[in-house]
Amino acid sequence: MNLSVFLIRIIFLAIPGIVTAYVFEKLTGKREGKDWKDFIAIAFFSLLSYGFYAVIVACFKVKATFLNALFDEKIPIPWSEVLWASLIAILIGYVASYFEKYKIITNVGHFIRASNRHGDEDVWDYFHNIPEVEWVFVRDHKLDLIYYGTISVFSDSGMTRELLMTDVDVYDNKAGGFLYSVNVLYFSRDRYDLTIEIPKIEKKEEKQNV
């Protein structure tokens, strides 16, 4: 088989893996990593999607032909199989996202004592996924201010530190005096310009001047 034809067939037959990777990224966020890891993930998700498809059609005594079409250019690309595998790939993307959100693999590793890692991208990601985190102090070292409120949205790991806070009181970092309040506050800083602290007080009604 001609190499260019083979590569074109790989691209078309890899569509289910691309679909799963797209769904997974949309649900969990973009992760930093090497390109070869992305290619391996797409190949794995493609094989998984076609594997589930093959098992399903085998129940109806139908044989999947995607592997034959990959290596034999005389066999046309089975577009119906690509379509059904892509639909299965969407479900796999959601399942993979569930595994990522609840750290299933990491938790199994904890259970069998094979790992003590938390499974998050870095400490920034881990901190924002702590269920107990609600009201926080964010020290903005660039403007020398303190924001007290709840974090609604945070940026992905490895990117510029973006935060969207709600019900925010703003204080002067040096004097500690109250300045003003806003319903919603968005800001973007370098990773070394912010410090996030969890106060001992549980409710905003009990807060004190910093």
N, C-alpha and C. Protein backbone atom coordinates (compact mmCIF):
# COMPACT_ATOMS: atom_id res chain seq x y z
N MET A 1 0.84 -1.19 0.00
CA MET A 1 0.00 0.00 0.00
C MET A 1 0.88 1.25 0.00
N ASN A 2 0.48 2.22 -0.82
CA ASN A 2 1.19 3.49 -0.87
C ASN A 2 1.16 4.17 0.49
N LEU A 3 2.31 4.74 0.91
CA LEU A 3 2.41 5.35 2.24
C LEU A 3 1.42 6.48 2.41
N SER A 4 1.25 7.35 1.41
CA SER A 4 0.33 8.48 1.51
C SER A 4 -1.11 8.00 1.64
N VAL A 5 -1.45 6.94 0.91
CA VAL A 5 -2.81 6.38 1.01
C VAL A 5 -3.03 5.80 2.40
N PHE A 6 -1.99 5.13 2.92
CA PHE A 6 -2.08 4.54 4.26
C PHE A 6 -2.29 5.62 5.32
N LEU A 7 -1.56 6.74 5.22
CA LEU A 7 -1.70 7.83 6.19
C LEU A 7 -3.08 8.47 6.11
N ILE A 8 -3.60 8.62 4.88
CA ILE A 8 -4.94 9.19 4.71
C ILE A 8 -5.98 8.29 5.35
N ARG A 9 -5.82 6.98 5.18
CA ARG A 9 -6.77 6.04 5.79
C ARG A 9 -6.68 6.09 7.32
N ILE A 10 -5.48 6.23 7.84
CA ILE A 10 -5.33 6.33 9.29
C ILE A 10 -6.07 7.56 9.82
N ILE A 11 -5.94 8.68 9.10
CA ILE A 11 -6.59 9.91 9.54
C ILE A 11 -8.10 9.75 9.57
N PHE A 12 -8.66 9.17 8.52
CA PHE A 12 -10.12 9.00 8.48
C PHE A 12 -10.60 8.00 9.52
N LEU A 13 -9.86 6.91 9.68
CA LEU A 13 -10.26 5.89 10.65
C LEU A 13 -9.99 6.33 12.09
N ALA A 14 -9.20 7.39 12.27
CA ALA A 14 -8.91 7.92 13.62
C ALA A 14 -9.96 8.93 14.07
N ILE A 15 -10.97 9.18 13.24
CA ILE A 15 -11.99 10.17 13.60
C ILE A 15 -12.64 9.88 14.95
N PRO A 16 -13.01 8.63 15.27
CA PRO A 16 -13.59 8.36 16.61
C PRO A 16 -12.67 8.78 17.76
N GLY A 17 -11.37 8.51 17.62
CA GLY A 17 -10.42 8.92 18.66
C GLY A 17 -10.33 10.41 18.79
N ILE A 18 -10.39 11.11 17.66
CA ILE A 18 -10.37 12.57 17.67
C ILE A 18 -11.61 13.11 18.37
N VAL A 19 -12.76 12.46 18.11
CA VAL A 19 -14.02 12.88 18.74
C VAL A 19 -13.93 12.72 20.26
N THR A 20 -13.44 11.56 20.70
CA THR A 20 -13.30 11.33 22.15
C THR A 20 -12.36 12.34 22.78
N ALA A 21 -11.22 12.58 22.14
CA ALA A 21 -10.25 13.54 22.67
C ALA A 21 -10.85 14.94 22.75
N TYR A 22 -11.66 15.30 21.77
CA TYR A 22 -12.31 16.62 21.76
C TYR A 22 -13.30 16.75 22.91
N VAL A 23 -14.15 15.73 23.09
CA VAL A 23 -15.13 15.75 24.18
C VAL A 23 -14.42 15.79 25.52
N PHE A 24 -13.39 14.97 25.68
CA PHE A 24 -12.64 14.90 26.93
C PHE A 24 -12.02 16.25 27.27
N GLU A 25 -11.43 16.91 26.25
CA GLU A 25 -10.80 18.21 26.48
C GLU A 25 -11.82 19.27 26.85
N LYS A 26 -12.99 19.24 26.20
CA LYS A 26 -14.03 20.22 26.49
C LYS A 26 -14.55 20.07 27.91
N LEU A 27 -14.61 18.85 28.40
CA LEU A 27 -15.16 18.60 29.73
C LEU A 27 -14.15 18.76 30.84
N THR A 28 -12.88 18.51 30.56
CA THR A 28 -11.87 18.54 31.61
C THR A 28 -10.88 19.69 31.47
N GLY A 29 -10.84 20.34 30.30
CA GLY A 29 -9.90 21.43 30.09
C GLY A 29 -8.67 20.96 29.36
N LYS A 30 -8.00 21.91 28.73
CA LYS A 30 -6.78 21.62 27.98
C LYS A 30 -5.63 21.36 28.93
N ARG A 31 -4.93 20.27 28.72
CA ARG A 31 -3.79 19.91 29.55
C ARG A 31 -2.49 20.09 28.78
N GLU A 32 -1.47 20.54 29.50
CA GLU A 32 -0.17 20.63 28.86
C GLU A 32 0.42 19.24 28.70
N GLY A 33 1.08 19.03 27.60
CA GLY A 33 1.68 17.73 27.37
C GLY A 33 2.37 17.68 26.02
N LYS A 34 3.04 16.58 25.77
CA LYS A 34 3.75 16.40 24.52
C LYS A 34 2.79 15.91 23.44
N ASP A 35 3.09 16.27 22.19
CA ASP A 35 2.21 15.90 21.08
C ASP A 35 2.07 14.40 20.93
N TRP A 36 3.15 13.65 21.20
CA TRP A 36 3.08 12.20 21.02
C TRP A 36 2.08 11.57 21.98
N LYS A 37 1.87 12.19 23.13
CA LYS A 37 0.87 11.68 24.06
C LYS A 37 -0.54 11.86 23.50
N ASP A 38 -0.76 12.98 22.81
CA ASP A 38 -2.06 13.21 22.17
C ASP A 38 -2.32 12.19 21.08
N PHE A 39 -1.30 11.87 20.29
CA PHE A 39 -1.45 10.88 19.22
C PHE A 39 -1.75 9.49 19.79
N ILE A 40 -1.07 9.16 20.88
CA ILE A 40 -1.31 7.86 21.52
C ILE A 40 -2.73 7.81 22.07
N ALA A 41 -3.19 8.91 22.68
CA ALA A 41 -4.55 8.95 23.23
C ALA A 41 -5.58 8.79 22.12
N ILE A 42 -5.38 9.47 20.99
CA ILE A 42 -6.31 9.36 19.87
C ILE A 42 -6.33 7.93 19.33
N ALA A 43 -5.15 7.32 19.20
CA ALA A 43 -5.09 5.94 18.72
C ALA A 43 -5.80 4.99 19.69
N PHE A 44 -5.57 5.18 20.99
CA PHE A 44 -6.20 4.33 22.00
C PHE A 44 -7.71 4.48 21.98
N PHE A 45 -8.20 5.73 21.97
CA PHE A 45 -9.64 5.96 21.96
C PHE A 45 -10.27 5.43 20.67
N SER A 46 -9.56 5.53 19.54
CA SER A 46 -10.08 5.00 18.28
C SER A 46 -10.26 3.49 18.37
N LEU A 47 -9.22 2.80 18.83
CA LEU A 47 -9.30 1.35 18.97
C LEU A 47 -10.39 0.94 19.96
N LEU A 48 -10.53 1.71 21.03
CA LEU A 48 -11.56 1.41 22.03
C LEU A 48 -12.96 1.57 21.42
N SER A 49 -13.15 2.63 20.65
CA SER A 49 -14.45 2.88 20.03
C SER A 49 -14.80 1.78 19.02
N TYR A 50 -13.83 1.45 18.17
CA TYR A 50 -14.06 0.39 17.20
C TYR A 50 -14.23 -0.97 17.89
N GLY A 51 -13.51 -1.15 19.00
CA GLY A 51 -13.64 -2.40 19.74
C GLY A 51 -15.06 -2.59 20.28
N PHE A 52 -15.61 -1.53 20.87
CA PHE A 52 -16.98 -1.61 21.36
C PHE A 52 -17.95 -1.83 20.20
N TYR A 53 -17.69 -1.14 19.09
CA TYR A 53 -18.54 -1.32 17.92
C TYR A 53 -18.50 -2.76 17.43
N ALA A 54 -17.30 -3.34 17.36
CA ALA A 54 -17.15 -4.72 16.90
C ALA A 54 -17.89 -5.70 17.80
N VAL A 55 -17.83 -5.46 19.11
CA VAL A 55 -18.54 -6.33 20.05
C VAL A 55 -20.05 -6.23 19.85
N ILE A 56 -20.54 -5.01 19.64
CA ILE A 56 -21.98 -4.80 19.48
C ILE A 56 -22.49 -5.48 18.21
N VAL A 57 -21.79 -5.25 17.08
CA VAL A 57 -22.27 -5.83 15.82
C VAL A 57 -22.07 -7.33 15.79
N ALA A 58 -21.10 -7.84 16.56
CA ALA A 58 -20.89 -9.29 16.62
C ALA A 58 -22.10 -9.99 17.23
N CYS A 59 -22.79 -9.28 18.10
CA CYS A 59 -24.02 -9.85 18.69
C CYS A 59 -25.08 -10.09 17.63
N PHE A 60 -25.00 -9.34 16.52
CA PHE A 60 -25.94 -9.51 15.41
C PHE A 60 -25.30 -10.29 14.26
N LYS A 61 -24.18 -10.96 14.57
CA LYS A 61 -23.45 -11.79 13.61
C LYS A 61 -23.00 -10.98 12.40
N VAL A 62 -22.54 -9.75 12.65
CA VAL A 62 -21.99 -8.89 11.61
C VAL A 62 -20.52 -8.67 11.94
N LYS A 63 -19.65 -8.74 10.95
CA LYS A 63 -18.23 -8.60 11.17
C LYS A 63 -17.77 -7.18 10.82
N ALA A 64 -17.03 -6.56 11.73
CA ALA A 64 -16.47 -5.23 11.48
C ALA A 64 -15.29 -5.35 10.52
N THR A 65 -15.12 -4.35 9.65
CA THR A 65 -14.09 -4.41 8.61
C THR A 65 -13.07 -3.29 8.69
N PHE A 66 -13.08 -2.50 9.78
CA PHE A 66 -12.22 -1.32 9.83
C PHE A 66 -10.74 -1.68 9.80
N LEU A 67 -10.35 -2.80 10.45
CA LEU A 67 -8.94 -3.21 10.44
C LEU A 67 -8.51 -3.64 9.04
N ASN A 68 -9.37 -4.36 8.33
CA ASN A 68 -9.05 -4.78 6.97
C ASN A 68 -8.90 -3.57 6.06
N ALA A 69 -9.78 -2.57 6.27
CA ALA A 69 -9.73 -1.37 5.44
C ALA A 69 -8.47 -0.55 5.72
N LEU A 70 -7.91 -0.71 6.90
CA LEU A 70 -6.71 0.05 7.25
C LEU A 70 -5.50 -0.43 6.47
N PHE A 71 -5.41 -1.73 6.25
CA PHE A 71 -4.22 -2.31 5.62
C PHE A 71 -4.42 -2.73 4.16
N ASP A 72 -5.64 -2.72 3.70
CA ASP A 72 -5.91 -3.13 2.32
C ASP A 72 -6.62 -1.99 1.60
N GLU A 73 -5.91 -1.34 0.67
CA GLU A 73 -6.49 -0.20 -0.02
C GLU A 73 -7.60 -0.60 -0.99
N LYS A 74 -7.71 -1.87 -1.28
CA LYS A 74 -8.78 -2.33 -2.16
C LYS A 74 -10.13 -2.32 -1.46
N ILE A 75 -10.09 -2.35 -0.13
CA ILE A 75 -11.33 -2.32 0.66
C ILE A 75 -11.68 -0.86 0.95
N PRO A 76 -12.85 -0.40 0.55
CA PRO A 76 -13.21 1.00 0.80
C PRO A 76 -13.36 1.29 2.29
N ILE A 77 -13.12 2.54 2.66
CA ILE A 77 -13.28 2.94 4.07
C ILE A 77 -14.73 2.74 4.49
N PRO A 78 -14.97 1.97 5.54
CA PRO A 78 -16.35 1.70 5.99
C PRO A 78 -16.94 2.90 6.74
N TRP A 79 -17.52 3.83 6.00
CA TRP A 79 -17.98 5.08 6.61
C TRP A 79 -19.07 4.85 7.65
N SER A 80 -19.88 3.83 7.44
CA SER A 80 -20.92 3.55 8.43
C SER A 80 -20.30 3.13 9.76
N GLU A 81 -19.19 2.37 9.68
CA GLU A 81 -18.51 1.97 10.91
C GLU A 81 -17.83 3.17 11.57
N VAL A 82 -17.27 4.05 10.77
CA VAL A 82 -16.66 5.27 11.31
C VAL A 82 -17.71 6.11 12.03
N LEU A 83 -18.92 6.20 11.42
CA LEU A 83 -20.00 6.99 12.02
C LEU A 83 -20.45 6.39 13.35
N TRP A 84 -20.72 5.09 13.36
CA TRP A 84 -21.19 4.46 14.60
C TRP A 84 -20.10 4.48 15.67
N ALA A 85 -18.86 4.26 15.27
CA ALA A 85 -17.76 4.31 16.24
C ALA A 85 -17.59 5.72 16.79
N SER A 86 -17.88 6.74 15.98
CA SER A 86 -17.77 8.13 16.45
C SER A 86 -18.86 8.45 17.46
N LEU A 87 -20.05 7.88 17.26
CA LEU A 87 -21.12 8.06 18.24
C LEU A 87 -20.75 7.39 19.56
N ILE A 88 -20.17 6.19 19.46
CA ILE A 88 -19.70 5.50 20.67
C ILE A 88 -18.58 6.31 21.33
N ALA A 89 -17.76 6.96 20.50
CA ALA A 89 -16.64 7.76 21.01
C ALA A 89 -17.11 8.91 21.89
N ILE A 90 -18.28 9.47 21.56
CA ILE A 90 -18.82 10.56 22.39
C ILE A 90 -19.10 10.05 23.79
N LEU A 91 -19.70 8.87 23.88
CA LEU A 91 -19.99 8.28 25.20
C LEU A 91 -18.69 7.97 25.95
N ILE A 92 -17.70 7.48 25.22
CA ILE A 92 -16.41 7.17 25.85
C ILE A 92 -15.78 8.45 26.39
N GLY A 93 -15.95 9.56 25.66
CA GLY A 93 -15.42 10.84 26.13
C GLY A 93 -16.02 11.25 27.46
N TYR A 94 -17.33 11.05 27.61
CA TYR A 94 -17.99 11.38 28.88
C TYR A 94 -17.54 10.45 30.00
N VAL A 95 -17.40 9.17 29.69
CA VAL A 95 -16.95 8.21 30.70
C VAL A 95 -15.52 8.54 31.14
N ALA A 96 -14.65 8.85 30.16
CA ALA A 96 -13.27 9.21 30.49
C ALA A 96 -13.22 10.46 31.35
N SER A 97 -14.11 11.42 31.07
CA SER A 97 -14.16 12.66 31.86
C SER A 97 -14.62 12.37 33.28
N TYR A 98 -15.56 11.44 33.42
CA TYR A 98 -16.01 11.03 34.76
C TYR A 98 -14.84 10.42 35.54
N PHE A 99 -14.07 9.56 34.87
CA PHE A 99 -12.90 8.94 35.51
C PHE A 99 -11.91 10.02 35.94
N GLU A 100 -11.75 11.05 35.10
CA GLU A 100 -10.81 12.12 35.41
C GLU A 100 -11.31 12.98 36.57
N LYS A 101 -12.59 13.33 36.54
CA LYS A 101 -13.14 14.20 37.58
C LYS A 101 -13.07 13.57 38.96
N TYR A 102 -13.42 12.28 39.04
CA TYR A 102 -13.46 11.62 40.34
C TYR A 102 -12.19 10.80 40.62
N LYS A 103 -11.16 10.98 39.79
CA LYS A 103 -9.84 10.38 40.01
C LYS A 103 -9.97 8.87 40.29
N ILE A 104 -10.73 8.17 39.44
CA ILE A 104 -10.99 6.76 39.66
C ILE A 104 -9.70 5.95 39.67
N ILE A 105 -8.85 6.18 38.66
CA ILE A 105 -7.61 5.42 38.58
C ILE A 105 -6.71 5.70 39.78
N THR A 106 -6.63 6.98 40.17
CA THR A 106 -5.80 7.34 41.33
C THR A 106 -6.35 6.74 42.61
N ASN A 107 -7.67 6.78 42.76
CA ASN A 107 -8.29 6.22 43.97
C ASN A 107 -8.08 4.71 44.07
N VAL A 108 -8.12 4.04 42.93
CA VAL A 108 -7.83 2.60 42.93
C VAL A 108 -6.38 2.39 43.36
N GLY A 109 -5.48 3.26 42.87
CA GLY A 109 -4.08 3.17 43.27
C GLY A 109 -3.90 3.38 44.76
N HIS A 110 -4.68 4.31 45.33
CA HIS A 110 -4.64 4.52 46.79
C HIS A 110 -5.14 3.27 47.51
N PHE A 111 -6.20 2.67 46.99
CA PHE A 111 -6.82 1.52 47.65
C PHE A 111 -5.87 0.33 47.71
N ILE A 112 -5.13 0.12 46.63
CA ILE A 112 -4.21 -1.02 46.61
C ILE A 112 -2.80 -0.60 47.02
N ARG A 113 -2.68 0.67 47.50
CA ARG A 113 -1.42 1.21 47.98
C ARG A 113 -0.32 1.21 46.91
N ALA A 114 -0.74 1.48 45.68
CA ALA A 114 0.23 1.56 44.59
C ALA A 114 0.67 2.98 44.32
N SER A 115 -0.03 3.98 44.92
CA SER A 115 0.31 5.37 44.69
C SER A 115 -0.21 6.22 45.84
N ASN A 116 0.47 7.36 46.05
CA ASN A 116 -0.01 8.34 47.02
C ASN A 116 -0.25 9.69 46.34
N ARG A 117 -0.30 9.69 45.00
CA ARG A 117 -0.57 10.91 44.26
C ARG A 117 -2.05 11.22 44.29
N HIS A 118 -2.37 12.52 44.08
CA HIS A 118 -3.77 12.94 44.09
C HIS A 118 -4.38 12.92 42.70
N GLY A 119 -3.56 12.88 41.66
CA GLY A 119 -4.07 12.75 40.30
C GLY A 119 -4.37 14.07 39.61
N ASP A 120 -4.14 15.20 40.27
CA ASP A 120 -4.39 16.49 39.64
C ASP A 120 -3.17 16.93 38.85
N GLU A 121 -3.40 17.89 37.94
CA GLU A 121 -2.33 18.37 37.08
C GLU A 121 -1.21 19.00 37.91
N ASP A 122 -1.55 19.87 38.84
CA ASP A 122 -0.60 20.48 39.76
C ASP A 122 -1.36 20.95 40.99
N VAL A 123 -0.66 21.65 41.90
CA VAL A 123 -1.30 22.08 43.15
C VAL A 123 -2.42 23.08 42.88
N TRP A 124 -2.26 23.92 41.85
CA TRP A 124 -3.33 24.88 41.48
C TRP A 124 -4.61 24.13 41.16
N ASP A 125 -4.51 23.10 40.36
CA ASP A 125 -5.67 22.28 39.99
C ASP A 125 -6.22 21.56 41.21
N TYR A 126 -5.33 21.00 42.03
CA TYR A 126 -5.76 20.26 43.22
C TYR A 126 -6.50 21.18 44.19
N PHE A 127 -5.97 22.39 44.42
CA PHE A 127 -6.57 23.32 45.37
C PHE A 127 -8.01 23.65 44.99
N HIS A 128 -8.23 23.94 43.71
CA HIS A 128 -9.56 24.36 43.29
C HIS A 128 -10.56 23.21 43.23
N ASN A 129 -10.08 21.99 43.37
CA ASN A 129 -10.99 20.84 43.38
C ASN A 129 -11.25 20.31 44.78
N ILE A 130 -10.75 21.02 45.80
CA ILE A 130 -11.05 20.63 47.18
C ILE A 130 -12.50 21.01 47.48
N PRO A 131 -13.36 20.06 47.84
CA PRO A 131 -14.77 20.36 48.07
C PRO A 131 -15.01 21.39 49.17
N GLU A 132 -14.12 21.43 50.18
CA GLU A 132 -14.34 22.30 51.33
C GLU A 132 -14.04 23.76 51.03
N VAL A 133 -13.36 24.04 49.92
CA VAL A 133 -12.99 25.42 49.59
C VAL A 133 -14.22 26.20 49.16
N GLU A 134 -14.54 27.28 49.89
CA GLU A 134 -15.68 28.12 49.52
C GLU A 134 -15.27 29.58 49.58
N TRP A 135 -15.27 30.17 50.77
CA TRP A 135 -14.85 31.56 50.92
C TRP A 135 -13.34 31.62 51.05
N VAL A 136 -12.72 32.48 50.27
CA VAL A 136 -11.26 32.56 50.27
C VAL A 136 -10.79 34.01 50.23
N PHE A 137 -9.57 34.23 50.73
CA PHE A 137 -8.86 35.49 50.55
C PHE A 137 -7.87 35.30 49.40
N VAL A 138 -7.93 36.17 48.42
CA VAL A 138 -6.97 36.16 47.32
C VAL A 138 -6.14 37.43 47.42
N ARG A 139 -4.85 37.26 47.68
CA ARG A 139 -3.96 38.42 47.77
C ARG A 139 -3.37 38.72 46.39
N ASP A 140 -3.68 39.89 45.89
CA ASP A 140 -3.19 40.35 44.59
C ASP A 140 -1.93 41.17 44.83
N HIS A 141 -0.77 40.53 44.67
CA HIS A 141 0.49 41.20 44.96
C HIS A 141 0.83 42.27 43.92
N LYS A 142 0.24 42.19 42.76
CA LYS A 142 0.51 43.19 41.73
C LYS A 142 -0.12 44.53 42.07
N LEU A 143 -1.39 44.51 42.55
CA LEU A 143 -2.09 45.75 42.91
C LEU A 143 -2.11 45.99 44.41
N ASP A 144 -1.53 45.04 45.17
CA ASP A 144 -1.49 45.14 46.63
C ASP A 144 -2.90 45.24 47.21
N LEU A 145 -3.78 44.35 46.75
CA LEU A 145 -5.16 44.30 47.22
C LEU A 145 -5.48 42.89 47.71
N ILE A 146 -6.56 42.81 48.48
CA ILE A 146 -7.07 41.52 48.94
C ILE A 146 -8.52 41.39 48.49
N TYR A 147 -8.85 40.26 47.89
CA TYR A 147 -10.23 39.99 47.48
C TYR A 147 -10.79 38.88 48.36
N TYR A 148 -11.96 39.13 48.93
CA TYR A 148 -12.60 38.12 49.77
C TYR A 148 -13.94 37.75 49.14
N GLY A 149 -14.07 36.50 48.73
CA GLY A 149 -15.30 36.05 48.10
C GLY A 149 -15.19 34.58 47.72
N THR A 150 -15.99 34.18 46.76
CA THR A 150 -15.97 32.79 46.30
C THR A 150 -15.42 32.73 44.88
N ILE A 151 -14.67 31.68 44.59
CA ILE A 151 -14.12 31.48 43.25
C ILE A 151 -15.10 30.65 42.44
N SER A 152 -15.62 31.24 41.38
CA SER A 152 -16.59 30.54 40.54
C SER A 152 -15.92 29.79 39.40
N VAL A 153 -14.92 30.41 38.78
CA VAL A 153 -14.23 29.80 37.64
C VAL A 153 -12.74 30.07 37.78
N PHE A 154 -11.92 29.07 37.43
CA PHE A 154 -10.47 29.25 37.46
C PHE A 154 -9.88 28.69 36.17
N SER A 155 -8.72 29.20 35.80
CA SER A 155 -8.08 28.79 34.55
C SER A 155 -7.46 27.41 34.70
N ASP A 156 -7.18 26.79 33.54
CA ASP A 156 -6.54 25.48 33.54
C ASP A 156 -5.10 25.60 34.03
N SER A 157 -4.56 24.48 34.47
CA SER A 157 -3.19 24.44 34.94
C SER A 157 -2.23 24.81 33.83
N GLY A 158 -1.15 25.50 34.20
CA GLY A 158 -0.12 25.85 33.24
C GLY A 158 -0.37 27.13 32.49
N MET A 159 -1.58 27.66 32.56
CA MET A 159 -1.89 28.90 31.86
C MET A 159 -1.77 30.07 32.82
N THR A 160 -2.01 31.28 32.30
CA THR A 160 -2.05 32.46 33.15
C THR A 160 -3.15 32.26 34.20
N ARG A 161 -2.88 32.70 35.42
CA ARG A 161 -3.84 32.49 36.50
C ARG A 161 -5.04 33.42 36.33
N GLU A 162 -6.14 32.89 35.83
CA GLU A 162 -7.37 33.65 35.67
C GLU A 162 -8.38 33.20 36.72
N LEU A 163 -9.03 34.16 37.35
CA LEU A 163 -10.04 33.84 38.35
C LEU A 163 -11.29 34.67 38.10
N LEU A 164 -12.42 34.05 38.29
CA LEU A 164 -13.71 34.75 38.28
C LEU A 164 -14.32 34.55 39.65
N MET A 165 -14.43 35.65 40.40
CA MET A 165 -14.94 35.60 41.77
C MET A 165 -16.30 36.28 41.85
N THR A 166 -17.11 35.83 42.78
CA THR A 166 -18.42 36.44 42.99
C THR A 166 -18.58 36.87 44.44
N ASP A 167 -19.46 37.87 44.64
CA ASP A 167 -19.76 38.40 45.98
C ASP A 167 -18.46 38.79 46.69
N VAL A 168 -17.74 39.72 46.08
CA VAL A 168 -16.37 40.03 46.49
C VAL A 168 -16.30 41.34 47.27
N ASP A 169 -15.57 41.29 48.39
CA ASP A 169 -15.18 42.49 49.13
C ASP A 169 -13.70 42.73 48.89
N VAL A 170 -13.34 43.97 48.61
CA VAL A 170 -11.95 44.31 48.28
C VAL A 170 -11.35 45.11 49.44
N TYR A 171 -10.14 44.71 49.85
CA TYR A 171 -9.45 45.35 50.97
C TYR A 171 -8.07 45.84 50.51
N ASP A 172 -7.56 46.79 51.24
CA ASP A 172 -6.18 47.23 51.04
C ASP A 172 -5.26 46.23 51.73
N ASN A 173 -4.28 45.71 51.01
CA ASN A 173 -3.43 44.66 51.55
C ASN A 173 -2.53 45.15 52.68
N LYS A 174 -2.06 46.40 52.61
CA LYS A 174 -1.17 46.92 53.64
C LYS A 174 -1.93 47.40 54.87
N ALA A 175 -2.91 48.26 54.66
CA ALA A 175 -3.66 48.83 55.78
C ALA A 175 -4.73 47.88 56.30
N GLY A 176 -5.20 46.97 55.42
CA GLY A 176 -6.23 46.03 55.84
C GLY A 176 -7.62 46.63 55.87
N GLY A 177 -7.79 47.85 55.38
CA GLY A 177 -9.11 48.48 55.42
C GLY A 177 -9.98 48.10 54.24
N PHE A 178 -11.29 48.11 54.49
CA PHE A 178 -12.26 47.78 53.46
C PHE A 178 -12.32 48.91 52.44
N LEU A 179 -12.37 48.56 51.14
CA LEU A 179 -12.42 49.56 50.08
C LEU A 179 -13.78 49.60 49.39
N TYR A 180 -14.23 48.47 48.85
CA TYR A 180 -15.52 48.44 48.16
C TYR A 180 -15.93 46.99 47.92
N SER A 181 -17.17 46.80 47.43
CA SER A 181 -17.70 45.47 47.13
C SER A 181 -18.16 45.42 45.67
N VAL A 182 -18.05 44.25 45.07
CA VAL A 182 -18.56 44.02 43.71
C VAL A 182 -19.23 42.66 43.66
N ASN A 183 -20.20 42.51 42.76
CA ASN A 183 -20.88 41.23 42.61
C ASN A 183 -20.02 40.20 41.90
N VAL A 184 -19.31 40.66 40.85
CA VAL A 184 -18.47 39.76 40.06
C VAL A 184 -17.14 40.44 39.80
N LEU A 185 -16.06 39.67 39.93
CA LEU A 185 -14.72 40.21 39.70
C LEU A 185 -13.92 39.21 38.87
N TYR A 186 -13.40 39.67 37.73
CA TYR A 186 -12.51 38.85 36.91
C TYR A 186 -11.13 39.52 36.87
N PHE A 187 -10.09 38.72 36.98
CA PHE A 187 -8.75 39.26 36.83
C PHE A 187 -7.81 38.15 36.37
N SER A 188 -6.71 38.56 35.76
CA SER A 188 -5.72 37.65 35.23
C SER A 188 -4.34 38.10 35.71
N ARG A 189 -3.58 37.18 36.27
CA ARG A 189 -2.26 37.49 36.79
C ARG A 189 -1.26 36.38 36.44
N ASP A 190 0.01 36.71 36.55
CA ASP A 190 1.03 35.68 36.45
C ASP A 190 0.93 34.78 37.67
N ARG A 191 1.47 33.59 37.57
CA ARG A 191 1.29 32.60 38.62
C ARG A 191 1.92 33.01 39.95
N TYR A 192 2.88 33.94 39.93
CA TYR A 192 3.53 34.35 41.18
C TYR A 192 2.91 35.63 41.77
N ASP A 193 1.87 36.14 41.13
CA ASP A 193 1.26 37.39 41.59
C ASP A 193 0.09 37.17 42.54
N LEU A 194 -0.26 35.92 42.80
CA LEU A 194 -1.44 35.64 43.63
C LEU A 194 -1.10 34.69 44.76
N THR A 195 -1.77 34.93 45.89
CA THR A 195 -1.73 33.99 47.01
C THR A 195 -3.17 33.78 47.47
N ILE A 196 -3.57 32.52 47.59
CA ILE A 196 -4.95 32.21 48.00
C ILE A 196 -4.91 31.60 49.39
N GLU A 197 -5.74 32.14 50.27
CA GLU A 197 -5.79 31.67 51.66
C GLU A 197 -7.23 31.30 52.02
N ILE A 198 -7.36 30.23 52.79
CA ILE A 198 -8.68 29.81 53.27
C ILE A 198 -8.81 30.27 54.72
N PRO A 199 -9.74 31.17 55.00
CA PRO A 199 -9.89 31.66 56.38
C PRO A 199 -10.51 30.60 57.29
N LYS A 200 -10.30 30.75 58.58
CA LYS A 200 -10.89 29.82 59.53
C LYS A 200 -12.39 30.02 59.66
N ILE A 201 -12.85 31.26 59.43
CA ILE A 201 -14.28 31.52 59.54
C ILE A 201 -15.00 30.81 58.42
N GLU A 202 -16.20 30.32 58.69
CA GLU A 202 -16.95 29.52 57.74
C GLU A 202 -17.93 30.34 56.93
N LYS A 203 -18.49 31.42 57.53
CA LYS A 203 -19.52 32.17 56.87
C LYS A 203 -19.09 33.60 56.68
N LYS A 204 -19.56 34.18 55.63
CA LYS A 204 -19.16 35.55 55.30
C LYS A 204 -19.68 36.53 56.34
N GLU A 205 -20.81 36.21 56.97
CA GLU A 205 -21.38 37.11 57.96
C GLU A 205 -20.45 37.30 59.15
N GLU A 206 -19.53 36.32 59.34
CA GLU A 206 -18.66 36.36 60.50
C GLU A 206 -17.29 36.97 60.18
N LYS A 207 -17.12 37.45 58.95
CA LYS A 207 -15.80 37.92 58.53
C LYS A 207 -15.35 39.14 59.34
N GLN A 208 -14.07 39.31 59.38
CA GLN A 208 -13.47 40.46 60.05
C GLN A 208 -12.52 41.15 59.11
N ASN A 209 -12.20 42.39 59.36
CA ASN A 209 -11.22 43.10 58.54
C ASN A 209 -9.86 42.41 58.63
N VAL A 210 -9.17 42.34 57.48
CA VAL A 210 -7.88 41.67 57.46
C VAL A 210 -6.81 42.57 58.09
